[in-house]
Amino acid sequence: MNSAPAVSRQLFWICRQRRTQNVLLLSKRNRAIIPVGNLKGETTMKEKPDVLQGTLALMVLKTLDVLGPQHGWGIARRIEQISGDLLAVNQGTLYPLLLRLENEGSIASEWGASENNRRARFYRLTAAGRRQLQAEARDWEQTAAIIGRFFKVKAEDLP
């Protein structure tokens, strides 16, 4: 039986040899390692950065404010679409966030039918969520203005 460090070294070697970072481990019992993605190291899809930590909640609230009730997958697609496909929304991050926002009372949800007639949970902004959105938007605009000042300043402008 391989120990965990030996399996990790083997996995690292396979990834390095095949120049891939996308790996799926199937089973500890079988110790099967299957690389997923392009094995030549070239990416076939446009790589997108993840959404910055702390900004996803603001994007979700604003998306629901602008577009009205949406299901989780729709929220993720709209955020990616609005960003010009420059951002990637991780489903494993989005759904816990939606649960947290619902527990806080910022959004509410109910079951309904999606565009393809599948059962889906639709999220909508609450009055508390609208207030939270306004407060976070003010904070974000202030932060962006401060950062903007740093990009505009030149050494000769300083006393």
C-alpha atoms as a PDB file:
ATOM      1  CA  MET A   1       0.000   0.000   0.000  1.00  0.00           C
ATOM      2  CA  ASN A   2       1.368   3.452  -0.910  1.00  0.00           C
ATOM      3  CA  SER A   3       1.654   6.012   1.823  1.00  0.00           C
ATOM      4  CA  ALA A   4       0.101   9.462   1.370  1.00  0.00           C
ATOM      5  CA  PRO A   5       3.462  11.191   0.735  1.00  0.00           C
ATOM      6  CA  ALA A   6       4.396   8.569  -1.871  1.00  0.00           C
ATOM      7  CA  VAL A   7       1.054   9.049  -3.638  1.00  0.00           C
ATOM      8  CA  SER A   8       1.534  12.833  -3.493  1.00  0.00           C
ATOM      9  CA  ARG A   9       5.007  12.525  -5.020  1.00  0.00           C
ATOM     10  CA  GLN A  10       3.628  10.223  -7.723  1.00  0.00           C
ATOM     11  CA  LEU A  11       0.785  12.645  -8.445  1.00  0.00           C
ATOM     12  CA  PHE A  12       3.223  15.572  -8.605  1.00  0.00           C
ATOM     13  CA  TRP A  13       5.452  13.641 -11.018  1.00  0.00           C
ATOM     14  CA  ILE A  14       2.522  12.730 -13.289  1.00  0.00           C
ATOM     15  CA  CYS A  15       1.244  16.315 -13.315  1.00  0.00           C
ATOM     16  CA  ARG A  16       4.706  17.666 -14.021  1.00  0.00           C
ATOM     17  CA  GLN A  17       5.373  15.114 -16.762  1.00  0.00           C
ATOM     18  CA  ARG A  18       2.053  15.827 -18.463  1.00  0.00           C
ATOM     19  CA  ARG A  19       2.148  19.545 -17.680  1.00  0.00           C
ATOM     20  CA  THR A  20      -1.302  19.650 -16.192  1.00  0.00           C
ATOM     21  CA  GLN A  21      -2.715  21.037 -12.982  1.00  0.00           C
ATOM     22  CA  ASN A  22      -6.190  19.581 -13.442  1.00  0.00           C
ATOM     23  CA  VAL A  23      -6.251  16.199 -11.757  1.00  0.00           C
ATOM     24  CA  LEU A  24      -9.079  14.029 -10.504  1.00  0.00           C
ATOM     25  CA  LEU A  25      -8.394  11.427  -7.805  1.00  0.00           C
ATOM     26  CA  LEU A  26     -11.006   8.724  -8.063  1.00  0.00           C
ATOM     27  CA  SER A  27     -10.585   6.321  -5.188  1.00  0.00           C
ATOM     28  CA  LYS A  28      -8.216   5.787  -2.288  1.00  0.00           C
ATOM     29  CA  ARG A  29      -8.783   2.040  -2.577  1.00  0.00           C
ATOM     30  CA  ASN A  30      -7.764   1.809  -6.213  1.00  0.00           C
ATOM     31  CA  ARG A  31      -5.359   4.762  -6.073  1.00  0.00           C
ATOM     32  CA  ALA A  32      -6.448   5.691  -9.576  1.00  0.00           C
ATOM     33  CA  ILE A  33      -5.113   9.006 -10.813  1.00  0.00           C
ATOM     34  CA  ILE A  34      -6.694  10.376 -13.936  1.00  0.00           C
ATOM     35  CA  PRO A  35      -5.473  13.665 -15.376  1.00  0.00           C
ATOM     36  CA  VAL A  36      -8.317  15.800 -16.619  1.00  0.00           C
ATOM     37  CA  GLY A  37      -7.843  18.403 -19.319  1.00  0.00           C
ATOM     38  CA  ASN A  38      -5.377  18.865 -22.124  1.00  0.00           C
ATOM     39  CA  LEU A  39      -2.382  16.614 -21.501  1.00  0.00           C
ATOM     40  CA  LYS A  40      -0.113  18.732 -23.689  1.00  0.00           C
ATOM     41  CA  GLY A  41      -0.270  21.598 -21.216  1.00  0.00           C
ATOM     42  CA  GLU A  42      -2.167  23.846 -23.591  1.00  0.00           C
ATOM     43  CA  THR A  43      -5.505  25.146 -22.466  1.00  0.00           C
ATOM     44  CA  THR A  44      -8.353  24.832 -24.885  1.00  0.00           C
ATOM     45  CA  MET A  45     -10.660  27.109 -22.912  1.00  0.00           C
ATOM     46  CA  LYS A  46      -9.968  30.714 -22.006  1.00  0.00           C
ATOM     47  CA  GLU A  47      -8.643  30.770 -18.457  1.00  0.00           C
ATOM     48  CA  LYS A  48     -10.591  33.018 -16.115  1.00  0.00           C
ATOM     49  CA  PRO A  49      -9.518  34.284 -12.714  1.00  0.00           C
ATOM     50  CA  ASP A  50     -11.723  33.451  -9.759  1.00  0.00           C
ATOM     51  CA  VAL A  51     -13.892  36.188  -8.311  1.00  0.00           C
ATOM     52  CA  LEU A  52     -12.027  38.179  -5.657  1.00  0.00           C
ATOM     53  CA  GLN A  53     -12.820  37.116  -2.116  1.00  0.00           C
ATOM     54  CA  GLY A  54     -15.388  39.389  -0.507  1.00  0.00           C
ATOM     55  CA  THR A  55     -16.762  40.717  -3.785  1.00  0.00           C
ATOM     56  CA  LEU A  56     -18.935  37.777  -4.776  1.00  0.00           C
ATOM     57  CA  ALA A  57     -21.660  38.659  -2.256  1.00  0.00           C
ATOM     58  CA  LEU A  58     -21.840  42.181  -3.670  1.00  0.00           C
ATOM     59  CA  MET A  59     -22.041  40.819  -7.228  1.00  0.00           C
ATOM     60  CA  VAL A  60     -24.794  38.377  -6.253  1.00  0.00           C
ATOM     61  CA  LEU A  61     -26.836  41.097  -4.545  1.00  0.00           C
ATOM     62  CA  LYS A  62     -26.410  43.493  -7.476  1.00  0.00           C
ATOM     63  CA  THR A  63     -27.293  40.765  -9.990  1.00  0.00           C
ATOM     64  CA  LEU A  64     -30.514  39.986  -8.123  1.00  0.00           C
ATOM     65  CA  ASP A  65     -31.258  43.711  -7.831  1.00  0.00           C
ATOM     66  CA  VAL A  66     -30.894  44.272 -11.568  1.00  0.00           C
ATOM     67  CA  LEU A  67     -32.315  41.035 -12.964  1.00  0.00           C
ATOM     68  CA  GLY A  68     -34.809  39.967 -10.312  1.00  0.00           C
ATOM     69  CA  PRO A  69     -35.177  36.367  -9.084  1.00  0.00           C
ATOM     70  CA  GLN A  70     -32.584  33.946 -10.459  1.00  0.00           C
ATOM     71  CA  HIS A  71     -31.509  30.389  -9.722  1.00  0.00           C
ATOM     72  CA  GLY A  72     -27.928  29.713  -8.637  1.00  0.00           C
ATOM     73  CA  TRP A  73     -26.647  28.604 -12.017  1.00  0.00           C
ATOM     74  CA  GLY A  74     -28.287  31.657 -13.613  1.00  0.00           C
ATOM     75  CA  ILE A  75     -26.646  33.965 -11.072  1.00  0.00           C
ATOM     76  CA  ALA A  76     -23.234  32.470 -11.830  1.00  0.00           C
ATOM     77  CA  ARG A  77     -23.721  32.761 -15.600  1.00  0.00           C
ATOM     78  CA  ARG A  78     -24.955  36.360 -15.322  1.00  0.00           C
ATOM     79  CA  ILE A  79     -21.954  37.391 -13.202  1.00  0.00           C
ATOM     80  CA  GLU A  80     -19.623  35.820 -15.752  1.00  0.00           C
ATOM     81  CA  GLN A  81     -21.561  37.440 -18.602  1.00  0.00           C
ATOM     82  CA  ILE A  82     -21.611  40.906 -16.994  1.00  0.00           C
ATOM     83  CA  SER A  83     -17.859  40.654 -16.374  1.00  0.00           C
ATOM     84  CA  GLY A  84     -17.385  40.141 -20.107  1.00  0.00           C
ATOM     85  CA  ASP A  85     -16.463  36.509 -19.402  1.00  0.00           C
ATOM     86  CA  LEU A  86     -13.388  37.667 -17.488  1.00  0.00           C
ATOM     87  CA  LEU A  87     -14.493  36.063 -14.204  1.00  0.00           C
ATOM     88  CA  ALA A  88     -15.219  32.460 -13.311  1.00  0.00           C
ATOM     89  CA  VAL A  89     -17.741  31.755 -10.560  1.00  0.00           C
ATOM     90  CA  ASN A  90     -16.972  28.590  -8.634  1.00  0.00           C
ATOM     91  CA  GLN A  91     -20.192  26.705  -7.800  1.00  0.00           C
ATOM     92  CA  GLY A  92     -18.569  25.398  -4.611  1.00  0.00           C
ATOM     93  CA  THR A  93     -18.194  28.992  -3.449  1.00  0.00           C
ATOM     94  CA  LEU A  94     -21.488  30.345  -4.770  1.00  0.00           C
ATOM     95  CA  TYR A  95     -23.943  27.962  -3.102  1.00  0.00           C
ATOM     96  CA  PRO A  96     -22.547  28.312   0.445  1.00  0.00           C
ATOM     97  CA  LEU A  97     -22.631  32.084  -0.089  1.00  0.00           C
ATOM     98  CA  LEU A  98     -26.278  31.938  -1.185  1.00  0.00           C
ATOM     99  CA  LEU A  99     -27.083  29.911   1.935  1.00  0.00           C
ATOM    100  CA  ARG A 100     -25.251  32.442   4.128  1.00  0.00           C
ATOM    101  CA  LEU A 101     -27.015  35.409   2.489  1.00  0.00           C
ATOM    102  CA  GLU A 102     -30.347  33.652   2.980  1.00  0.00           C
ATOM    103  CA  ASN A 103     -29.590  32.940   6.654  1.00  0.00           C
ATOM    104  CA  GLU A 104     -28.663  36.611   7.117  1.00  0.00           C
ATOM    105  CA  GLY A 105     -31.976  37.658   5.545  1.00  0.00           C
ATOM    106  CA  SER A 106     -30.416  39.439   2.567  1.00  0.00           C
ATOM    107  CA  ILE A 107     -32.044  37.094   0.082  1.00  0.00           C
ATOM    108  CA  ALA A 108     -34.998  34.715   0.150  1.00  0.00           C
ATOM    109  CA  SER A 109     -35.582  31.628  -1.950  1.00  0.00           C
ATOM    110  CA  GLU A 110     -38.365  29.462  -3.254  1.00  0.00           C
ATOM    111  CA  TRP A 111     -38.570  26.457  -5.519  1.00  0.00           C
ATOM    112  CA  GLY A 112     -39.646  26.900  -9.115  1.00  0.00           C
ATOM    113  CA  ALA A 113     -39.069  25.617 -12.639  1.00  0.00           C
ATOM    114  CA  SER A 114     -35.973  26.674 -14.583  1.00  0.00           C
ATOM    115  CA  GLU A 115     -35.869  27.531 -18.292  1.00  0.00           C
ATOM    116  CA  ASN A 116     -35.452  23.840 -19.153  1.00  0.00           C
ATOM    117  CA  ASN A 117     -38.328  22.813 -16.859  1.00  0.00           C
ATOM    118  CA  ARG A 118     -36.119  21.463 -14.085  1.00  0.00           C
ATOM    119  CA  ARG A 119     -36.793  22.116 -10.443  1.00  0.00           C
ATOM    120  CA  ALA A 120     -34.515  24.888  -9.168  1.00  0.00           C
ATOM    121  CA  ARG A 121     -34.260  27.173  -6.164  1.00  0.00           C
ATOM    122  CA  PHE A 122     -34.812  30.811  -7.168  1.00  0.00           C
ATOM    123  CA  TYR A 123     -33.257  33.567  -5.066  1.00  0.00           C
ATOM    124  CA  ARG A 124     -34.578  37.100  -4.728  1.00  0.00           C
ATOM    125  CA  LEU A 125     -33.362  40.206  -2.953  1.00  0.00           C
ATOM    126  CA  THR A 126     -35.127  41.204   0.276  1.00  0.00           C
ATOM    127  CA  ALA A 127     -35.513  44.706   1.721  1.00  0.00           C
ATOM    128  CA  ALA A 128     -32.626  43.953   4.092  1.00  0.00           C
ATOM    129  CA  GLY A 129     -30.592  42.811   1.093  1.00  0.00           C
ATOM    130  CA  ARG A 130     -31.304  46.091  -0.711  1.00  0.00           C
ATOM    131  CA  ARG A 131     -30.034  48.024   2.311  1.00  0.00           C
ATOM    132  CA  GLN A 132     -26.964  45.783   2.498  1.00  0.00           C
ATOM    133  CA  LEU A 133     -26.338  46.304  -1.224  1.00  0.00           C
ATOM    134  CA  GLN A 134     -26.527  50.090  -0.855  1.00  0.00           C
ATOM    135  CA  ALA A 135     -24.129  50.065   2.116  1.00  0.00           C
ATOM    136  CA  GLU A 136     -21.654  47.719   0.422  1.00  0.00           C
ATOM    137  CA  ALA A 137     -21.841  49.693  -2.839  1.00  0.00           C
ATOM    138  CA  ARG A 138     -20.951  52.897  -0.948  1.00  0.00           C
ATOM    139  CA  ASP A 139     -18.036  51.133   0.771  1.00  0.00           C
ATOM    140  CA  TRP A 140     -16.833  49.646  -2.519  1.00  0.00           C
ATOM    141  CA  GLU A 141     -17.015  52.994  -4.340  1.00  0.00           C
ATOM    142  CA  GLN A 142     -15.052  54.650  -1.524  1.00  0.00           C
ATOM    143  CA  THR A 143     -12.409  51.891  -1.614  1.00  0.00           C
ATOM    144  CA  ALA A 144     -12.169  52.108  -5.412  1.00  0.00           C
ATOM    145  CA  ALA A 145     -11.744  55.896  -5.190  1.00  0.00           C
ATOM    146  CA  ILE A 146      -8.923  55.522  -2.658  1.00  0.00           C
ATOM    147  CA  ILE A 147      -7.133  52.926  -4.804  1.00  0.00           C
ATOM    148  CA  GLY A 148      -7.673  55.173  -7.832  1.00  0.00           C
ATOM    149  CA  ARG A 149      -5.814  57.962  -6.053  1.00  0.00           C
ATOM    150  CA  PHE A 150      -2.809  55.686  -5.562  1.00  0.00           C
ATOM    151  CA  PHE A 151      -2.667  54.908  -9.272  1.00  0.00           C
ATOM    152  CA  LYS A 152      -2.860  58.605 -10.189  1.00  0.00           C
ATOM    153  CA  VAL A 153      -0.216  59.909  -7.773  1.00  0.00           C
ATOM    154  CA  LYS A 154       3.288  60.651  -9.018  1.00  0.00           C
ATOM    155  CA  ALA A 155       6.398  61.205  -6.939  1.00  0.00           C
ATOM    156  CA  GLU A 156       6.572  64.889  -7.937  1.00  0.00           C
ATOM    157  CA  ASP A 157       3.006  65.433  -6.645  1.00  0.00           C
ATOM    158  CA  LEU A 158       3.984  64.515  -3.092  1.00  0.00           C
ATOM    159  CA  PRO A 159       5.180  67.190  -0.624  1.00  0.00           C
END
